[in-house]
Amino acid sequence: MNPEQRNQTSITEFILLGFSTIPELQILLFLLFLVIYIATMSGNILIVVLVVADCHLHTPMYFFLGNLSCLETCYTSTILPSMLASLLSGDRTISFSGCLTQYYFFASLVATECLLLSVMSYDRYLAICNPMHYAAHMSGRSCLQFISGGFQCSGIITLLISQLTFCGSNDIDHFFCDLIPLVNLSCNDPLLMEMLALTISLIFLVVPFLLTLMSYICIISTILRIPSTTGKQKAFSTCSSHLIVVTMYYGTLMIVYMFPTTNTLSDCKKVLSVFYAVLTPLINPIIYSLRNKEFKGALRKACRKCRSCFD
C-alpha cells in the first residue's frame, strides 16, 4: 500500500465545525439550544404519557400523535446533547463509528417521520372525507410496518457510507453527521452517492409530501362544504397550522438534500437544517396536540389527579 492510500484510510474521527465561525456567540447558542431541548423533551414526553395513560386517547389519531412525539424525542436526542456538549466544552471531535451511528439513527427517524406525517394526513382525510371507511382502512399495526421502512433504508445507506474512503480534511461543515457533508469528504466518485441521495429523497420526501398535500386539499374542499361558519373556521385553523408545519418540514429537507451544495448554499443549508432538526420537534407538540381539545381535557384531568395526590 502506497503512502497516499494509507492516508486515505487513516481518518478515525471527524471534527464537527458546527457554528464555530461565530465564537463570540457560543455561550448564547448553548443556552438557546438547551432551552429548546428541554422544552422539546418536556412537550413530547408529556404527550406520550397522556396518550398512554388516558383511555379516551386510545384511538388511531392519538396513537399516531403519540408515535410522532416519541420519534421527535428520539431524533432530537441524537443531535442536541452532543451539540450542547461541544458548544460548552469546545471539543468538536466525533469518532468515525460515532458519526455513522448518529447518522443512522437520525436518518432513520427523519425518514420514518416523513412517512408517519403522510399516514397522519391520510388518517385525517379518512376521518373527515370518508368516515364510513375509517375503521376498515386505518390499522395502527399495518401503518407502523409501512413506516418502519425508514430504518431499513437508512441501514443500507449507512453501510455504503462505511465503505467510503476518506482522505484530506476531516472537518465536517455541519453540526451533526449527515450524508452530503460526509460524501463531500470522501475520495470516491460522489456521483453514485449523490444519485442515491436523490433517489432516497424522492421516496421519503417528495412522495410523502405530495400525498400529504393531496390529503389536505381533499380535506379543505370538504371543509368548504361545511354550512356552519364557526365549524369551518375551526377546521381551517387546524388544517392550515398543520399544513404550514408540514410544508416547513418537508420544504427545508428537500432544499437541503435535493439542491446541489455550493459555497453560497453551504451556510444556508446549515441554517435550514436547524429548522427540521431542532425547531420542528419543538413546534409539533404545540401544533398537533397541545391545541387539541381532547388533549387539553386529558391534561387538566392529569393535573387534578396530581393535585389530589399531594393534598
Protein backbone atom coordinates (compact mmCIF):
# COMPACT_ATOMS: atom_id res chain seq x y z
CA MET A 1 0.00 0.00 0.00
CA ASN A 2 1.47 3.35 -1.02
CA PRO A 3 1.54 6.38 1.36
CA GLU A 4 -1.36 8.06 -0.41
CA GLN A 5 -3.62 5.02 0.10
CA ARG A 6 -2.60 4.79 3.76
CA ASN A 7 -3.58 8.45 4.26
CA GLN A 8 -6.93 7.76 2.66
CA THR A 9 -7.88 5.18 5.31
CA SER A 10 -6.26 6.76 8.37
CA ILE A 11 -9.18 9.00 9.40
CA THR A 12 -10.63 7.67 12.65
CA GLU A 13 -12.51 10.77 13.77
CA PHE A 14 -14.19 13.86 12.36
CA ILE A 15 -14.47 17.44 13.56
CA LEU A 16 -17.97 18.90 13.50
CA LEU A 17 -17.41 22.58 12.79
CA GLY A 18 -21.00 23.47 13.68
CA PHE A 19 -21.31 27.19 14.39
CA SER A 20 -17.64 27.69 15.31
CA THR A 21 -17.38 30.55 12.79
CA ILE A 22 -19.10 32.78 15.38
CA PRO A 23 -17.12 32.02 18.58
CA GLU A 24 -18.45 35.06 20.46
CA LEU A 25 -21.96 33.52 20.39
CA GLN A 26 -21.07 30.03 21.69
CA ILE A 27 -22.48 30.54 25.22
CA LEU A 28 -25.60 32.25 23.87
CA LEU A 29 -26.14 29.40 21.38
CA PHE A 30 -25.62 26.85 24.18
CA LEU A 31 -28.30 28.50 26.34
CA LEU A 32 -30.69 28.84 23.38
CA PHE A 33 -30.37 25.20 22.29
CA LEU A 34 -30.52 24.00 25.91
CA VAL A 35 -33.88 25.75 26.41
CA ILE A 36 -35.13 24.33 23.08
CA TYR A 37 -34.02 20.82 24.04
CA ILE A 38 -35.66 20.94 27.48
CA ALA A 39 -38.90 22.34 26.02
CA THR A 40 -38.91 19.77 23.19
CA MET A 41 -38.33 16.82 25.51
CA SER A 42 -40.89 18.05 28.06
CA GLY A 43 -43.63 18.66 25.47
CA ASN A 44 -43.17 15.40 23.59
CA ILE A 45 -42.78 13.22 26.69
CA LEU A 46 -45.93 14.81 28.15
CA ILE A 47 -47.88 13.85 25.03
CA VAL A 48 -46.61 10.25 25.10
CA VAL A 49 -47.54 9.92 28.78
CA LEU A 50 -51.03 11.37 28.21
CA VAL A 51 -51.71 9.08 25.23
CA VAL A 52 -50.65 6.01 27.21
CA ALA A 53 -52.40 6.99 30.47
CA ASP A 54 -55.76 8.35 29.22
CA CYS A 55 -58.08 5.69 27.80
CA HIS A 56 -60.06 8.37 25.90
CA LEU A 57 -56.97 8.94 23.74
CA HIS A 58 -56.66 5.29 22.68
CA THR A 59 -57.75 5.98 19.09
CA PRO A 60 -55.78 5.78 15.81
CA MET A 61 -55.31 9.56 15.60
CA TYR A 62 -53.79 9.83 19.10
CA PHE A 63 -51.85 6.63 18.53
CA PHE A 64 -50.10 8.37 15.62
CA LEU A 65 -49.61 11.58 17.61
CA GLY A 66 -48.02 9.58 20.42
CA ASN A 67 -45.69 7.87 17.95
CA LEU A 68 -44.82 11.23 16.38
CA SER A 69 -43.86 12.61 19.79
CA CYS A 70 -41.82 9.50 20.53
CA LEU A 71 -39.97 9.96 17.22
CA GLU A 72 -39.34 13.65 17.95
CA THR A 73 -37.94 12.78 21.39
CA CYS A 74 -35.57 10.18 19.96
CA TYR A 75 -34.25 12.09 16.99
CA THR A 76 -33.78 15.35 18.88
CA SER A 77 -31.69 13.34 21.35
CA THR A 78 -29.43 12.05 18.57
CA ILE A 79 -28.23 15.61 17.83
CA LEU A 80 -28.75 18.17 20.57
CA PRO A 81 -26.95 16.53 23.55
CA SER A 82 -23.68 16.15 21.61
CA MET A 83 -24.13 19.60 20.09
CA LEU A 84 -24.66 21.15 23.54
CA ALA A 85 -21.58 19.35 24.87
CA SER A 86 -19.42 20.66 22.02
CA LEU A 87 -20.71 24.22 22.48
CA LEU A 88 -19.91 24.09 26.19
CA SER A 89 -16.55 22.30 26.09
CA GLY A 90 -15.28 23.37 22.69
CA ASP A 91 -14.46 19.73 21.84
CA ARG A 92 -16.00 19.12 18.40
CA THR A 93 -14.46 15.73 17.64
CA ILE A 94 -16.57 12.66 16.95
CA SER A 95 -15.29 9.16 16.20
CA PHE A 96 -15.89 7.53 12.83
CA SER A 97 -18.16 4.87 14.38
CA GLY A 98 -19.93 7.50 16.47
CA CYS A 99 -20.53 9.58 13.35
CA LEU A 100 -22.02 6.62 11.46
CA THR A 101 -24.21 5.72 14.45
CA GLN A 102 -25.50 9.27 14.74
CA TYR A 103 -26.25 9.43 11.02
CA TYR A 104 -28.03 6.05 11.04
CA PHE A 105 -30.41 6.91 13.86
CA PHE A 106 -31.04 10.45 12.66
CA ALA A 107 -31.69 9.44 9.03
CA SER A 108 -33.89 6.51 10.10
CA LEU A 109 -36.01 8.67 12.40
CA VAL A 110 -36.35 11.51 9.86
CA ALA A 111 -37.39 9.10 7.08
CA THR A 112 -39.85 7.43 9.45
CA GLU A 113 -41.30 10.80 10.47
CA CYS A 114 -41.81 11.78 6.82
CA LEU A 115 -43.78 8.58 6.25
CA LEU A 116 -45.66 8.99 9.54
CA LEU A 117 -46.75 12.53 8.64
CA SER A 118 -48.18 11.29 5.36
CA VAL A 119 -50.03 8.47 7.18
CA MET A 120 -51.39 11.01 9.68
CA SER A 121 -52.67 13.23 6.87
CA TYR A 122 -54.37 10.18 5.30
CA ASP A 123 -55.87 9.39 8.71
CA ARG A 124 -57.38 12.91 8.86
CA TYR A 125 -58.57 12.58 5.24
CA LEU A 126 -60.45 9.36 6.03
CA ALA A 127 -61.89 10.75 9.28
CA ILE A 128 -63.22 13.92 7.60
CA CYS A 129 -63.88 12.94 3.98
CA ASN A 130 -64.69 9.23 4.20
CA PRO A 131 -65.66 8.40 7.79
CA MET A 132 -67.65 5.26 6.85
CA HIS A 133 -64.44 3.51 5.76
CA TYR A 134 -62.24 4.89 8.54
CA ALA A 135 -62.18 1.81 10.80
CA ALA A 136 -61.61 -0.58 7.89
CA HIS A 137 -58.65 1.31 6.41
CA MET A 138 -56.80 2.57 9.48
CA SER A 139 -54.80 -0.10 11.27
CA GLY A 140 -52.02 1.03 13.59
CA ARG A 141 -50.02 -2.17 13.10
CA SER A 142 -50.04 -2.07 9.28
CA CYS A 143 -49.17 1.65 9.27
CA LEU A 144 -46.21 1.07 11.60
CA GLN A 145 -44.99 -1.75 9.34
CA PHE A 146 -45.17 0.68 6.41
CA ILE A 147 -43.23 3.48 8.11
CA SER A 148 -40.57 1.09 9.51
CA GLY A 149 -39.07 1.12 6.01
CA GLY A 150 -37.13 4.24 7.02
CA PHE A 151 -34.88 2.21 9.35
CA GLN A 152 -34.19 -0.46 6.74
CA CYS A 153 -33.30 2.04 4.01
CA SER A 154 -31.08 4.12 6.31
CA GLY A 155 -29.23 0.96 7.31
CA ILE A 156 -28.30 0.35 3.66
CA ILE A 157 -27.07 3.94 3.21
CA THR A 158 -25.03 3.78 6.45
CA LEU A 159 -23.41 0.56 5.24
CA LEU A 160 -22.48 2.26 1.95
CA ILE A 161 -21.02 5.27 3.81
CA SER A 162 -18.89 2.93 5.94
CA GLN A 163 -17.31 1.61 2.72
CA LEU A 164 -16.25 5.09 1.53
CA THR A 165 -12.59 6.06 1.56
CA PHE A 166 -11.87 9.35 3.32
CA CYS A 167 -8.84 11.49 2.62
CA GLY A 168 -7.59 15.00 3.23
CA SER A 169 -9.58 17.10 5.69
CA ASN A 170 -11.73 15.52 8.39
CA ASP A 171 -13.67 18.75 9.05
CA ILE A 172 -17.45 18.34 8.61
CA ASP A 173 -19.03 21.72 7.95
CA HIS A 174 -22.19 20.87 9.88
CA PHE A 175 -23.40 20.49 13.46
CA PHE A 176 -24.13 16.76 13.09
CA CYS A 177 -23.06 13.86 10.85
CA ASP A 178 -25.13 13.98 7.69
CA LEU A 179 -24.96 12.26 4.33
CA ILE A 180 -23.91 15.09 1.99
CA PRO A 181 -21.10 16.55 4.19
CA LEU A 182 -19.70 13.01 4.64
CA VAL A 183 -19.84 12.26 0.90
CA ASN A 184 -18.10 15.58 0.18
CA LEU A 185 -15.13 14.47 2.35
CA SER A 186 -14.69 11.12 0.62
CA CYS A 187 -12.17 10.37 -2.12
CA ASN A 188 -14.67 8.25 -4.03
CA ASP A 189 -16.64 9.41 -7.03
CA PRO A 190 -19.57 11.24 -5.38
CA LEU A 191 -21.94 10.65 -8.34
CA LEU A 192 -23.23 7.28 -7.11
CA MET A 193 -23.91 8.55 -3.57
CA GLU A 194 -25.47 11.76 -4.88
CA MET A 195 -27.78 9.75 -7.14
CA LEU A 196 -28.64 7.51 -4.18
CA ALA A 197 -29.37 10.58 -2.01
CA LEU A 198 -31.63 11.97 -4.75
CA THR A 199 -33.50 8.66 -5.09
CA ILE A 200 -33.98 8.36 -1.32
CA SER A 201 -35.18 11.98 -1.20
CA LEU A 202 -37.78 11.25 -3.88
CA ILE A 203 -39.06 8.20 -1.98
CA PHE A 204 -39.04 9.59 1.55
CA LEU A 205 -39.58 13.32 0.95
CA VAL A 206 -41.30 14.16 -2.33
CA VAL A 207 -43.77 11.25 -2.45
CA PRO A 208 -44.93 11.61 1.21
CA PHE A 209 -45.15 15.39 0.79
CA LEU A 210 -47.33 15.06 -2.34
CA LEU A 211 -49.56 12.51 -0.59
CA THR A 212 -49.86 14.83 2.43
CA LEU A 213 -50.65 17.78 0.19
CA MET A 214 -53.33 15.83 -1.71
CA SER A 215 -54.92 14.72 1.57
CA TYR A 216 -55.13 18.30 2.85
CA ILE A 217 -56.51 19.56 -0.47
CA CYS A 218 -59.31 16.98 -0.19
CA ILE A 219 -59.86 17.92 3.46
CA ILE A 220 -60.07 21.65 2.66
CA SER A 221 -62.52 21.02 -0.20
CA THR A 222 -64.71 19.06 2.24
CA ILE A 223 -64.44 21.83 4.86
CA LEU A 224 -65.66 24.38 2.31
CA ARG A 225 -68.96 22.49 2.17
CA ILE A 226 -69.50 22.77 5.93
CA PRO A 227 -72.58 25.02 6.46
CA SER A 228 -71.52 26.25 9.91
CA THR A 229 -69.20 29.28 9.75
CA THR A 230 -67.80 28.54 13.22
CA GLY A 231 -67.07 24.92 12.35
CA LYS A 232 -65.50 25.97 9.05
CA GLN A 233 -63.20 28.49 10.75
CA LYS A 234 -62.13 25.99 13.40
CA ALA A 235 -61.37 23.29 10.84
CA PHE A 236 -59.49 25.75 8.61
CA SER A 237 -57.42 26.94 11.59
CA THR A 238 -56.40 23.37 12.46
CA CYS A 239 -55.64 22.29 8.89
CA SER A 240 -53.75 25.45 7.97
CA SER A 241 -51.46 25.19 11.02
CA HIS A 242 -50.78 21.52 10.24
CA LEU A 243 -50.06 22.33 6.60
CA ILE A 244 -47.69 25.19 7.46
CA VAL A 245 -45.61 22.98 9.79
CA VAL A 246 -45.59 20.07 7.31
CA THR A 247 -44.57 22.35 4.43
CA MET A 248 -41.76 23.88 6.51
CA TYR A 249 -40.52 20.41 7.48
CA TYR A 250 -40.63 18.82 4.02
CA GLY A 251 -39.56 22.05 2.29
CA THR A 252 -36.36 22.54 4.30
CA LEU A 253 -35.49 18.83 3.95
CA MET A 254 -35.94 18.95 0.16
CA ILE A 255 -33.79 22.08 -0.19
CA VAL A 256 -31.01 20.54 1.91
CA TYR A 257 -30.98 17.11 0.23
CA MET A 258 -32.12 17.78 -3.33
CA PHE A 259 -30.34 21.05 -4.22
CA PRO A 260 -26.63 20.82 -5.13
CA THR A 261 -24.31 22.07 -2.39
CA THR A 262 -22.40 25.17 -3.44
CA ASN A 263 -20.29 27.59 -1.40
CA THR A 264 -23.24 30.00 -1.39
CA LEU A 265 -25.75 27.38 -0.27
CA SER A 266 -23.50 25.67 2.31
CA ASP A 267 -24.21 28.07 5.21
CA CYS A 268 -27.84 28.42 4.11
CA LYS A 269 -28.31 24.64 4.28
CA LYS A 270 -26.79 24.57 7.76
CA VAL A 271 -29.35 27.13 8.95
CA LEU A 272 -32.21 25.27 7.20
CA SER A 273 -31.09 22.08 8.96
CA VAL A 274 -31.86 23.80 12.27
CA PHE A 275 -35.49 24.12 11.15
CA TYR A 276 -36.14 20.42 10.52
CA ALA A 277 -33.70 19.02 13.11
CA VAL A 278 -34.31 21.38 16.05
CA LEU A 279 -37.33 23.66 15.62
CA THR A 280 -39.88 21.25 14.11
CA PRO A 281 -39.70 18.82 17.09
CA LEU A 282 -40.33 21.84 19.33
CA ILE A 283 -43.32 23.10 17.31
CA ASN A 284 -45.04 19.78 16.53
CA PRO A 285 -46.35 19.10 20.08
CA ILE A 286 -47.93 22.57 20.16
CA ILE A 287 -49.47 22.42 16.68
CA TYR A 288 -50.64 18.81 16.59
CA SER A 289 -51.50 18.05 20.19
CA LEU A 290 -51.49 20.74 22.86
CA ARG A 291 -54.00 22.90 20.91
CA ASN A 292 -56.32 19.88 20.73
CA LYS A 293 -59.47 19.92 22.90
CA GLU A 294 -59.16 16.25 23.93
CA PHE A 295 -55.51 16.71 24.88
CA LYS A 296 -56.34 19.78 26.93
CA GLY A 297 -59.04 17.78 28.74
CA ALA A 298 -56.63 14.90 29.38
CA LEU A 299 -54.01 17.34 30.67
CA ARG A 300 -56.49 19.01 33.05
CA LYS A 301 -57.59 15.58 34.31
CA ALA A 302 -53.94 14.57 34.90
CA CYS A 303 -53.27 17.84 36.76
CA ARG A 304 -56.30 17.27 39.01
CA LYS A 305 -55.08 13.76 39.83
CA CYS A 306 -51.62 15.09 40.67
CA ARG A 307 -53.08 17.79 42.95
CA SER A 308 -55.28 15.26 44.72
CA CYS A 309 -52.24 13.06 45.39
CA PHE A 310 -50.40 15.94 47.10
CA ASP A 311 -53.42 17.19 49.07
